[in-house]
Amino acid sequence: MMITETMGIGECVAKFPNTVPVFMSFGMSCLGCSAARFENIGQGARAHGIDVDKLIEELNKVAGKGDESCGCGCGCE
């Protein structure tokens, strides 16, 4: 497992930009907010009432693909 619930949200997005759509699909669209800078994934997910284990599972599926682009269409790749 590459991503764990104790990994910082910002750290995860920086290391695996292709996880952005997964966070968005779970309702965690505040990736740029101040809380994302200091909260870990578990804390953020619990604050939003999200199943942490399911989120981590989905994040690791995407991160494991090795696609370094986020897939958001913003041109960040």
Protein backbone atom coordinates (compact mmCIF):
# COMPACT_ATOMS: atom_id res chain seq x y z
CA MET A 1 0.00 0.00 0.00
CA MET A 2 1.45 3.32 -1.07
CA ILE A 3 -1.12 5.62 0.51
CA THR A 4 -2.24 5.33 4.13
CA GLU A 5 -4.72 7.29 6.19
CA THR A 6 -1.88 8.99 8.07
CA MET A 7 -0.44 10.50 4.87
CA GLY A 8 -1.12 14.21 4.53
CA ILE A 9 -3.75 15.20 1.98
CA GLY A 10 -1.42 17.73 0.36
CA GLU A 11 1.43 15.22 0.37
CA CYS A 12 -0.75 12.62 -1.34
CA VAL A 13 -1.90 15.02 -4.05
CA ALA A 14 1.65 16.27 -4.62
CA LYS A 15 3.07 12.76 -4.90
CA PHE A 16 0.13 11.24 -6.79
CA PRO A 17 -1.68 14.01 -8.74
CA ASN A 18 -3.89 11.42 -10.39
CA THR A 19 -5.66 10.94 -7.03
CA VAL A 20 -7.40 14.32 -7.31
CA PRO A 21 -10.48 12.89 -9.10
CA VAL A 22 -10.79 10.21 -6.40
CA PHE A 23 -10.84 12.81 -3.63
CA MET A 24 -13.41 14.80 -5.63
CA SER A 25 -15.62 11.76 -6.20
CA PHE A 26 -15.72 11.17 -2.44
CA GLY A 27 -16.79 14.77 -1.81
CA MET A 28 -13.40 16.04 -0.68
CA SER A 29 -13.24 18.96 -3.08
CA CYS A 30 -11.41 21.24 -0.65
CA LEU A 31 -7.95 20.02 -1.66
CA GLY A 32 -6.70 23.59 -1.83
CA CYS A 33 -8.15 24.70 1.49
CA SER A 34 -5.99 25.38 4.52
CA ALA A 35 -7.11 22.17 6.27
CA ALA A 36 -5.68 20.09 3.42
CA ARG A 37 -2.25 21.46 4.28
CA PHE A 38 -2.21 20.04 7.81
CA GLU A 39 -4.84 17.27 7.94
CA ASN A 40 -4.05 13.72 7.05
CA ILE A 41 -6.34 11.70 4.79
CA GLY A 42 -8.03 9.92 7.69
CA GLN A 43 -8.82 13.16 9.51
CA GLY A 44 -10.18 14.80 6.38
CA ALA A 45 -12.29 11.80 5.44
CA ARG A 46 -13.78 11.48 8.92
CA ALA A 47 -14.58 15.21 8.98
CA HIS A 48 -16.59 14.67 5.79
CA GLY A 49 -18.25 11.44 6.99
CA ILE A 50 -16.36 9.34 4.43
CA ASP A 51 -15.47 5.66 4.81
CA VAL A 52 -11.70 5.99 5.29
CA ASP A 53 -10.89 2.40 4.29
CA LYS A 54 -12.82 2.69 1.02
CA LEU A 55 -11.19 6.03 0.20
CA ILE A 56 -7.70 4.62 0.87
CA GLU A 57 -8.49 1.58 -1.27
CA GLU A 58 -9.59 3.75 -4.20
CA LEU A 59 -6.66 6.14 -3.83
CA ASN A 60 -4.21 3.24 -3.95
CA LYS A 61 -5.89 1.78 -7.04
CA VAL A 62 -5.29 5.03 -8.91
CA ALA A 63 -1.83 5.69 -7.45
CA GLY A 64 -0.75 2.17 -8.39
CA LYS A 65 -1.42 2.85 -12.06
CA GLY A 66 1.63 5.08 -12.18
CA ASP A 67 -0.13 7.77 -14.20
CA GLU A 68 1.48 11.01 -13.11
CA SER A 69 -1.20 13.25 -14.63
CA CYS A 70 -4.22 14.13 -12.52
CA GLY A 71 -6.71 13.56 -15.32
CA CYS A 72 -8.67 16.66 -14.38
CA GLY A 73 -8.28 18.36 -17.73
CA CYS A 74 -6.74 21.45 -16.17
CA GLY A 75 -3.50 21.14 -18.09
CA CYS A 76 -1.43 20.39 -15.00
CA GLU A 77 0.09 17.32 -16.55
